[in-house]
C-alpha cells in the first residue's frame, strides 16, 4: 500500500513541468516536480499533492494519469490488487490462532503469498520500462524501496507459512 500511495515511486532525471491544461490555477510549487508516484506526485516543498488545489481538482487525476501514459496502468492496477489481497491475508492471519487450520487452506495461502503477491508487487517495476520513464530518465524513489521490501516480505511470509504444522 505504501508503494502505491507514495508520491515518490520514481525520481525523474530533471524537474518536470506539468502542462498548463492540468489546471491553470495551480500554484508553481504544485506544477513542478522531480518525484512521481502512481496516484500523485511530490510538490517542491516535499509534501505529496492530493488534488486539493486549483479550479478543477476532479479533472486533475485523469490528466495526471494521461501524462504518465497507459504504460503505468498495469503496474498501478497490480499495486492496488496486491494491497487488496494483502489486506485479505492480514484479516485471515488475525484469525489464524483462533480457528482450526486445514492443510489445503494453508497451502493455498502459501501460494498466494509466495507466488501471486510477490509477482503482483514485482510488476509495479514495469513503470521503469514506460515511455514516460524513457523520456525523463527515471530512477527508483522511496516508493520503489517500499515495493522491494514488500516483495521480500511476501515471499518470506510464504516460507514461514510453509513451516507451520497441523494441529
Protein backbone atom coordinates (compact mmCIF):
# COMPACT_ATOMS: atom_id res chain seq x y z
CA UNK A 1 0.00 0.00 0.00
CA UNK A 2 2.88 2.37 0.75
CA UNK A 3 4.35 1.79 -2.71
CA UNK A 4 1.01 2.54 -4.35
CA UNK A 5 0.16 5.63 -2.32
CA UNK A 6 3.61 7.19 -2.12
CA UNK A 7 4.21 10.25 -4.27
CA UNK A 8 7.85 9.28 -4.81
CA UNK A 9 7.94 5.95 -6.64
CA UNK A 10 10.32 7.25 -9.30
CA UNK A 11 12.68 10.18 -9.47
CA UNK A 12 12.93 11.77 -12.89
CA UNK A 13 16.28 12.97 -14.17
CA UNK A 14 15.35 16.64 -14.43
CA UNK A 15 12.48 18.56 -12.90
CA UNK A 16 9.34 18.15 -14.98
CA UNK A 17 6.79 20.87 -15.58
CA UNK A 18 3.20 19.68 -15.76
CA UNK A 19 1.22 21.11 -18.68
CA UNK A 20 -0.97 24.14 -18.01
CA UNK A 21 -4.10 22.22 -19.03
CA UNK A 22 -3.70 20.16 -15.84
CA UNK A 23 -5.31 23.12 -14.08
CA UNK A 24 -4.41 26.70 -14.92
CA UNK A 25 -4.96 27.99 -11.40
CA UNK A 26 -2.45 25.69 -9.68
CA UNK A 27 0.48 27.35 -7.90
CA UNK A 28 4.01 26.87 -9.26
CA UNK A 29 5.13 24.62 -6.38
CA UNK A 30 2.47 22.10 -7.46
CA UNK A 31 3.09 22.15 -11.23
CA UNK A 32 6.79 21.28 -10.99
CA UNK A 33 8.21 18.08 -9.58
CA UNK A 34 11.08 15.64 -9.74
CA UNK A 35 9.26 12.82 -7.91
CA UNK A 36 6.33 10.92 -9.37
CA UNK A 37 4.09 8.23 -7.89
CA UNK A 38 1.27 6.03 -9.11
CA UNK A 39 -1.53 8.22 -7.80
CA UNK A 40 0.07 11.58 -7.10
CA UNK A 41 3.35 13.49 -7.22
CA UNK A 42 5.59 15.32 -4.76
CA UNK A 43 5.42 19.10 -4.63
CA UNK A 44 8.55 21.25 -4.43
CA UNK A 45 8.13 21.59 -0.65
CA UNK A 46 8.44 17.79 -0.27
CA UNK A 47 4.78 17.14 0.52
CA UNK A 48 2.55 14.92 -1.60
CA UNK A 49 -0.07 16.68 -3.69
CA UNK A 50 -3.56 15.21 -3.12
CA UNK A 51 -5.60 17.11 -5.74
CA UNK A 52 -6.89 19.73 -3.34
CA UNK A 53 -5.93 22.93 -5.15
CA UNK A 54 -6.98 24.60 -8.36
CA UNK A 55 -10.23 25.26 -10.14
CA UNK A 56 -10.98 21.66 -11.13
CA UNK A 57 -9.32 19.05 -8.85
CA UNK A 58 -11.54 16.22 -10.10
CA UNK A 59 -10.16 16.54 -13.61
CA UNK A 60 -6.53 16.65 -12.44
CA UNK A 61 -6.39 12.92 -11.65
CA UNK A 62 -7.37 11.95 -15.19
CA UNK A 63 -4.94 14.43 -16.74
CA UNK A 64 -2.13 13.22 -14.45
CA UNK A 65 -2.77 9.60 -15.49
CA UNK A 66 -2.76 10.71 -19.15
CA UNK A 67 0.57 12.48 -18.59
CA UNK A 68 2.13 9.26 -17.22
CA UNK A 69 0.69 7.25 -20.09
CA UNK A 70 -1.11 3.94 -20.35
CA UNK A 71 2.17 2.11 -19.60
CA UNK A 72 1.54 2.91 -15.92
CA UNK A 73 -1.95 1.37 -15.84
CA UNK A 74 -0.94 -2.28 -15.33
CA UNK A 75 1.65 -1.54 -12.63
CA UNK A 76 -0.88 0.73 -10.88
CA UNK A 77 -3.57 -1.98 -11.04
CA UNK A 78 -1.13 -4.66 -9.86
CA UNK A 79 -0.10 -2.47 -6.92
CA UNK A 80 -3.74 -1.94 -5.97
CA UNK A 81 -4.61 -5.63 -6.29
CA UNK A 82 -1.54 -6.55 -4.26
CA UNK A 83 -2.58 -4.18 -1.48
CA UNK A 84 -6.14 -5.55 -1.50
CA UNK A 85 -5.04 -9.17 -1.43
CA UNK A 86 -2.51 -8.41 1.30
CA UNK A 87 -5.31 -6.90 3.38
CA UNK A 88 -7.38 -10.07 2.92
CA UNK A 89 -4.44 -12.19 4.09
CA UNK A 90 -3.90 -9.86 7.05
CA UNK A 91 -7.51 -10.45 8.11
CA UNK A 92 -7.03 -14.20 7.65
CA UNK A 93 -3.90 -14.12 9.79
CA UNK A 94 -5.80 -12.39 12.59
CA UNK A 95 -7.97 -15.50 12.79
CA UNK A 96 -5.04 -17.89 12.40
CA UNK A 97 -4.73 -18.73 16.10
CA UNK A 98 -8.46 -18.71 16.74
CA UNK A 99 -9.54 -21.26 14.14
CA UNK A 100 -8.52 -24.71 13.06
CA UNK A 101 -6.22 -24.76 10.07
CA UNK A 102 -6.72 -27.13 7.19
CA UNK A 103 -3.56 -28.05 5.31
CA UNK A 104 -5.15 -27.26 1.93
CA UNK A 105 -6.14 -23.75 3.02
CA UNK A 106 -2.68 -23.16 4.44
CA UNK A 107 -1.03 -24.31 1.19
CA UNK A 108 -3.37 -22.07 -0.78
CA UNK A 109 -2.26 -19.12 1.35
CA UNK A 110 1.37 -20.12 0.85
CA UNK A 111 0.81 -19.99 -2.89
CA UNK A 112 -0.92 -16.60 -2.65
CA UNK A 113 1.89 -15.14 -0.52
CA UNK A 114 4.87 -16.68 -2.25
CA UNK A 115 3.80 -16.59 -5.87
CA UNK A 116 0.87 -14.31 -6.54
CA UNK A 117 1.58 -11.38 -4.20
CA UNK A 118 5.29 -11.45 -4.89
CA UNK A 119 4.66 -11.37 -8.64
CA UNK A 120 1.97 -8.69 -8.45
CA UNK A 121 4.14 -6.43 -6.31
CA UNK A 122 7.11 -7.06 -8.60
CA UNK A 123 5.07 -5.97 -11.62
CA UNK A 124 4.99 -2.43 -10.24
CA UNK A 125 8.53 -2.09 -11.57
CA UNK A 126 7.23 -2.19 -15.15
CA UNK A 127 6.95 1.60 -14.87
CA UNK A 128 10.68 1.83 -15.45
CA UNK A 129 10.12 0.49 -18.99
CA UNK A 130 7.36 3.02 -19.73
CA UNK A 131 7.65 5.71 -22.37
CA UNK A 132 7.39 8.33 -19.60
CA UNK A 133 10.50 6.92 -17.92
CA UNK A 134 12.36 6.54 -21.21
CA UNK A 135 11.76 10.24 -21.92
CA UNK A 136 12.51 11.51 -18.41
CA UNK A 137 15.25 9.17 -17.18
CA UNK A 138 13.56 7.62 -14.14
CA UNK A 139 15.43 6.14 -11.20
CA UNK A 140 13.97 4.33 -8.18
CA UNK A 141 12.48 6.50 -5.47
CA UNK A 142 11.27 5.88 -1.94
CA UNK A 143 8.13 4.05 -3.10
CA UNK A 144 10.23 1.64 -5.17
CA UNK A 145 12.12 0.79 -2.00
CA UNK A 146 8.80 0.08 -0.27
CA UNK A 147 7.88 -2.18 -3.18
CA UNK A 148 11.14 -4.12 -2.94
CA UNK A 149 10.57 -4.57 0.81
CA UNK A 150 7.03 -5.80 0.14
CA UNK A 151 8.27 -8.37 -2.39
CA UNK A 152 10.70 -9.80 0.16
CA UNK A 153 8.14 -9.71 2.98
CA UNK A 154 5.51 -11.53 0.91
CA UNK A 155 8.00 -14.20 -0.09
CA UNK A 156 9.36 -14.69 3.44
CA UNK A 157 5.82 -14.82 4.85
CA UNK A 158 5.04 -17.58 2.34
CA UNK A 159 8.08 -19.54 3.52
CA UNK A 160 7.01 -19.09 7.14
CA UNK A 161 3.56 -20.41 6.29
CA UNK A 162 5.25 -23.43 4.72
CA UNK A 163 6.93 -24.21 8.05
CA UNK A 164 3.68 -24.14 10.08
CA UNK A 165 2.34 -27.51 11.17
CA UNK A 166 -1.08 -29.04 11.55
CA UNK A 167 -2.59 -29.14 14.99
